[in-house]
N, C-alpha and C. Protein backbone atom coordinates (compact mmCIF):
# COMPACT_ATOMS: atom_id res chain seq x y z
N MET A 1 43.49 15.52 -4.70
CA MET A 1 43.66 16.10 -3.39
C MET A 1 43.15 15.08 -2.32
N LEU A 2 42.48 14.08 -2.72
CA LEU A 2 42.09 12.95 -1.67
C LEU A 2 43.11 12.34 -0.97
N THR A 3 44.26 12.22 -1.62
CA THR A 3 45.41 11.47 -1.13
C THR A 3 46.58 12.37 -0.63
N ARG A 4 46.49 13.53 -0.79
CA ARG A 4 47.56 14.39 -0.45
C ARG A 4 47.93 14.54 1.02
N TYR A 5 46.92 14.47 1.79
CA TYR A 5 47.22 14.46 3.36
C TYR A 5 46.84 13.05 3.93
N ALA A 6 47.50 12.15 3.52
CA ALA A 6 47.17 10.65 3.94
C ALA A 6 47.60 10.44 5.36
N GLY A 7 48.28 11.26 6.07
CA GLY A 7 48.60 11.02 7.40
C GLY A 7 47.69 11.43 8.38
N MET A 8 46.53 12.23 7.99
CA MET A 8 45.62 12.67 8.80
C MET A 8 44.26 12.10 8.44
N THR A 9 43.46 12.08 9.43
CA THR A 9 41.96 11.49 9.01
C THR A 9 41.34 12.71 8.29
N PRO A 10 40.20 12.50 7.53
CA PRO A 10 39.61 13.61 6.78
C PRO A 10 39.00 14.56 7.61
N LYS A 11 38.39 13.99 8.84
CA LYS A 11 37.79 14.88 9.77
C LYS A 11 38.78 15.88 10.37
N SER A 12 39.97 15.53 10.67
CA SER A 12 41.06 16.30 11.35
C SER A 12 41.47 17.20 10.27
N GLN A 13 41.51 16.94 8.97
CA GLN A 13 41.96 17.84 7.83
C GLN A 13 40.81 18.91 7.84
N SER A 14 39.64 18.56 8.02
CA SER A 14 38.59 19.56 7.80
C SER A 14 38.78 20.58 9.04
N TYR A 15 38.90 20.08 10.20
CA TYR A 15 39.03 20.93 11.30
C TYR A 15 40.40 21.76 11.20
N LEU A 16 41.35 21.28 10.78
CA LEU A 16 42.77 22.13 10.51
C LEU A 16 42.55 23.22 9.54
N PHE A 17 41.94 22.80 8.35
CA PHE A 17 41.65 23.82 7.40
C PHE A 17 40.62 25.00 7.92
N THR A 18 39.62 24.49 8.57
CA THR A 18 38.75 25.52 9.01
C THR A 18 39.42 26.51 10.16
N PHE A 19 40.29 25.90 10.91
CA PHE A 19 40.98 26.67 11.89
C PHE A 19 42.07 27.67 11.19
N GLY A 20 42.68 27.20 10.19
CA GLY A 20 43.53 28.03 9.52
C GLY A 20 42.80 29.06 8.72
N LEU A 21 41.54 28.95 8.14
CA LEU A 21 40.82 29.99 7.61
C LEU A 21 40.45 30.97 8.57
N ALA A 22 40.04 30.53 9.84
CA ALA A 22 39.67 31.50 10.73
C ALA A 22 40.89 32.37 11.17
N LEU A 23 42.08 31.69 11.39
CA LEU A 23 43.21 32.47 11.59
C LEU A 23 43.49 33.50 10.58
N THR A 24 43.27 33.09 9.19
CA THR A 24 43.60 33.90 8.07
C THR A 24 42.59 35.14 8.23
N PHE A 25 41.33 35.00 8.51
CA PHE A 25 40.41 35.99 8.65
C PHE A 25 40.83 36.98 9.71
N ILE A 26 41.25 36.48 10.94
CA ILE A 26 41.68 37.31 12.05
C ILE A 26 43.00 38.08 11.52
N GLY A 27 43.76 37.45 10.93
CA GLY A 27 44.94 38.23 10.49
C GLY A 27 44.65 39.33 9.40
N MET A 28 43.64 38.95 8.59
CA MET A 28 43.24 40.14 7.69
C MET A 28 42.59 41.30 8.46
N MET A 29 41.98 41.16 9.61
CA MET A 29 41.53 42.24 10.41
C MET A 29 42.49 43.00 11.14
N LEU A 30 43.48 42.14 11.66
CA LEU A 30 44.64 42.84 12.37
C LEU A 30 45.80 43.30 11.81
N THR A 31 46.03 43.02 10.58
CA THR A 31 47.16 43.41 9.87
C THR A 31 46.75 44.22 8.56
N SER A 32 47.91 44.82 8.04
CA SER A 32 47.63 45.52 6.87
C SER A 32 48.23 44.75 5.63
N MET A 33 48.41 43.55 5.89
CA MET A 33 48.91 42.63 4.67
C MET A 33 47.81 42.08 3.89
N TRP A 34 46.91 42.88 3.28
CA TRP A 34 45.81 42.15 2.69
C TRP A 34 45.93 41.41 1.54
N LEU A 35 46.73 41.70 0.67
CA LEU A 35 47.01 40.94 -0.64
C LEU A 35 47.46 39.54 -0.26
N PRO A 36 48.40 39.25 0.45
CA PRO A 36 48.79 37.83 0.79
C PRO A 36 47.64 37.04 1.53
N MET A 37 47.03 37.83 2.47
CA MET A 37 45.95 37.23 3.23
C MET A 37 44.79 36.95 2.49
N VAL A 38 44.51 37.70 1.51
CA VAL A 38 43.28 37.44 0.65
C VAL A 38 43.67 36.04 -0.35
N ALA A 39 44.85 36.02 -0.63
CA ALA A 39 45.35 34.85 -1.44
C ALA A 39 45.14 33.60 -0.56
N GLY A 40 45.75 33.75 0.55
CA GLY A 40 45.57 32.73 1.67
C GLY A 40 44.20 32.32 1.99
N ALA A 41 43.47 33.24 2.11
CA ALA A 41 41.99 32.87 2.46
C ALA A 41 41.27 32.27 1.34
N ILE A 42 41.61 32.61 0.17
CA ILE A 42 40.90 32.04 -1.03
C ILE A 42 41.37 30.48 -1.22
N ILE A 43 42.63 30.34 -1.02
CA ILE A 43 43.12 28.87 -0.93
C ILE A 43 42.54 28.09 0.09
N LEU A 44 42.59 28.61 1.33
CA LEU A 44 42.17 27.85 2.47
C LEU A 44 40.62 27.61 2.22
N SER A 45 39.85 28.63 1.72
CA SER A 45 38.42 28.56 1.61
C SER A 45 38.20 27.15 0.65
N MET A 46 38.94 27.17 -0.47
CA MET A 46 38.78 25.99 -1.36
C MET A 46 39.19 24.56 -0.67
N LEU A 47 40.29 24.61 0.18
CA LEU A 47 40.63 23.51 0.85
C LEU A 47 39.65 23.12 1.77
N THR A 48 38.93 24.14 2.51
CA THR A 48 38.07 23.76 3.63
C THR A 48 36.77 23.19 3.09
N VAL A 49 36.27 23.67 2.05
CA VAL A 49 35.01 23.33 1.33
C VAL A 49 35.44 21.93 0.76
N GLU A 50 36.39 21.74 0.37
CA GLU A 50 36.79 20.24 -0.33
C GLU A 50 36.71 19.22 0.91
N ALA A 51 37.44 19.70 1.97
CA ALA A 51 37.53 18.67 3.12
C ALA A 51 36.14 18.42 3.78
N TRP A 52 35.37 19.39 3.97
CA TRP A 52 34.08 19.20 4.46
C TRP A 52 33.16 18.44 3.43
N VAL A 53 33.19 18.76 2.24
CA VAL A 53 32.48 17.95 1.21
C VAL A 53 32.82 16.53 1.30
N ARG A 54 34.18 16.30 1.44
CA ARG A 54 34.58 14.84 1.47
C ARG A 54 34.09 14.20 2.67
N VAL A 55 34.11 14.88 3.89
CA VAL A 55 33.70 14.13 5.19
C VAL A 55 32.21 14.00 5.11
N LEU A 56 31.46 15.09 4.63
CA LEU A 56 29.99 14.77 4.73
C LEU A 56 29.21 14.16 3.65
N TYR A 57 29.90 13.95 2.59
CA TYR A 57 29.21 13.40 1.38
C TYR A 57 29.93 12.22 0.79
N ILE A 58 31.23 12.44 0.47
CA ILE A 58 31.84 11.52 -0.46
C ILE A 58 32.33 10.27 0.31
N ILE A 59 32.79 10.41 1.42
CA ILE A 59 33.11 9.17 2.30
C ILE A 59 31.86 8.48 2.62
N PRO A 60 30.74 9.02 3.18
CA PRO A 60 29.62 8.19 3.29
C PRO A 60 29.02 7.55 2.06
N LEU A 61 29.13 8.19 0.98
CA LEU A 61 28.82 7.69 -0.37
C LEU A 61 29.55 6.44 -0.73
N ASN A 62 30.76 6.59 -0.58
CA ASN A 62 31.69 5.43 -0.84
C ASN A 62 31.37 4.16 -0.10
N GLN A 63 30.95 4.49 1.33
CA GLN A 63 30.65 3.37 2.25
C GLN A 63 29.27 2.74 1.83
N LYS A 64 28.38 3.55 1.42
CA LYS A 64 27.11 3.00 0.88
C LYS A 64 27.21 2.23 -0.32
N LEU A 65 28.23 2.72 -1.27
CA LEU A 65 28.37 2.04 -2.47
C LEU A 65 28.89 0.70 -2.38
N THR A 66 29.98 0.66 -1.46
CA THR A 66 30.70 -0.73 -1.09
C THR A 66 29.70 -1.62 -0.52
N GLU A 67 28.63 -1.11 0.39
CA GLU A 67 27.67 -2.03 0.99
C GLU A 67 26.73 -2.45 -0.10
N LEU A 68 26.45 -1.67 -0.94
CA LEU A 68 25.45 -2.03 -2.04
C LEU A 68 26.23 -3.12 -3.14
N ASN A 69 27.50 -2.91 -3.49
CA ASN A 69 28.16 -3.87 -4.09
C ASN A 69 28.24 -5.18 -3.48
N LYS A 70 28.36 -5.30 -2.21
CA LYS A 70 28.37 -6.49 -1.53
C LYS A 70 27.14 -7.16 -1.52
N ARG A 71 26.00 -6.46 -1.34
CA ARG A 71 24.69 -6.92 -1.49
C ARG A 71 24.35 -7.44 -2.77
N VAL A 72 24.84 -6.95 -3.91
CA VAL A 72 24.74 -7.31 -5.28
C VAL A 72 25.33 -8.46 -5.46
N ASP A 73 26.58 -8.67 -5.01
CA ASP A 73 27.27 -9.72 -5.32
C ASP A 73 26.70 -10.97 -4.53
N LYS A 74 26.03 -10.81 -3.32
CA LYS A 74 25.43 -11.88 -2.55
C LYS A 74 24.12 -12.21 -3.38
N LEU A 75 23.43 -11.43 -3.82
CA LEU A 75 22.23 -11.68 -4.68
C LEU A 75 22.77 -12.48 -5.88
N GLN A 76 23.62 -12.11 -6.61
CA GLN A 76 24.21 -12.68 -7.78
C GLN A 76 24.52 -14.28 -7.43
N GLN A 77 25.28 -14.43 -6.39
CA GLN A 77 25.59 -15.75 -5.88
C GLN A 77 24.36 -16.59 -5.62
N GLN A 78 23.44 -15.97 -4.95
CA GLN A 78 22.18 -16.70 -4.64
C GLN A 78 21.55 -17.14 -5.99
N LEU A 79 21.37 -15.99 -6.85
CA LEU A 79 20.71 -16.47 -8.10
C LEU A 79 21.37 -17.52 -8.91
N SER A 80 22.83 -17.36 -8.94
CA SER A 80 23.56 -18.66 -9.61
C SER A 80 23.29 -19.94 -9.06
N GLN A 81 23.17 -20.04 -7.69
CA GLN A 81 23.07 -21.16 -6.83
C GLN A 81 21.56 -21.65 -7.29
N LYS A 82 20.63 -20.72 -7.36
CA LYS A 82 19.28 -21.12 -7.59
C LYS A 82 19.21 -21.82 -9.08
N LYS A 83 19.80 -21.20 -9.92
CA LYS A 83 19.92 -21.71 -11.33
C LYS A 83 20.51 -22.94 -11.46
N GLU A 84 21.55 -23.33 -10.77
CA GLU A 84 22.28 -24.55 -10.74
C GLU A 84 21.44 -25.54 -10.14
N SER A 85 20.63 -25.31 -9.24
CA SER A 85 19.81 -26.26 -8.50
C SER A 85 18.72 -26.63 -9.30
N ASP A 86 18.20 -25.88 -10.18
CA ASP A 86 17.04 -26.09 -11.08
C ASP A 86 17.27 -26.95 -12.26
């Protein structure tokens, strides 16, 4: 699901799914089409939770991991240079 909506930013996806979920709940209150609305609410709930988890946790974690990998590579280069000079 991380690449399904590649044309939008993850934050925009989060807002879109949250807005869709709110509209589904409003539709559930105003209409008598409960079964399709409940199915839609369940699907949109899962999409909303996934999108917000991605925005709040996964993307920052990937950025930190990339930063740490760069630091490790830099330290390994410094260590190899120090071994060569000794």
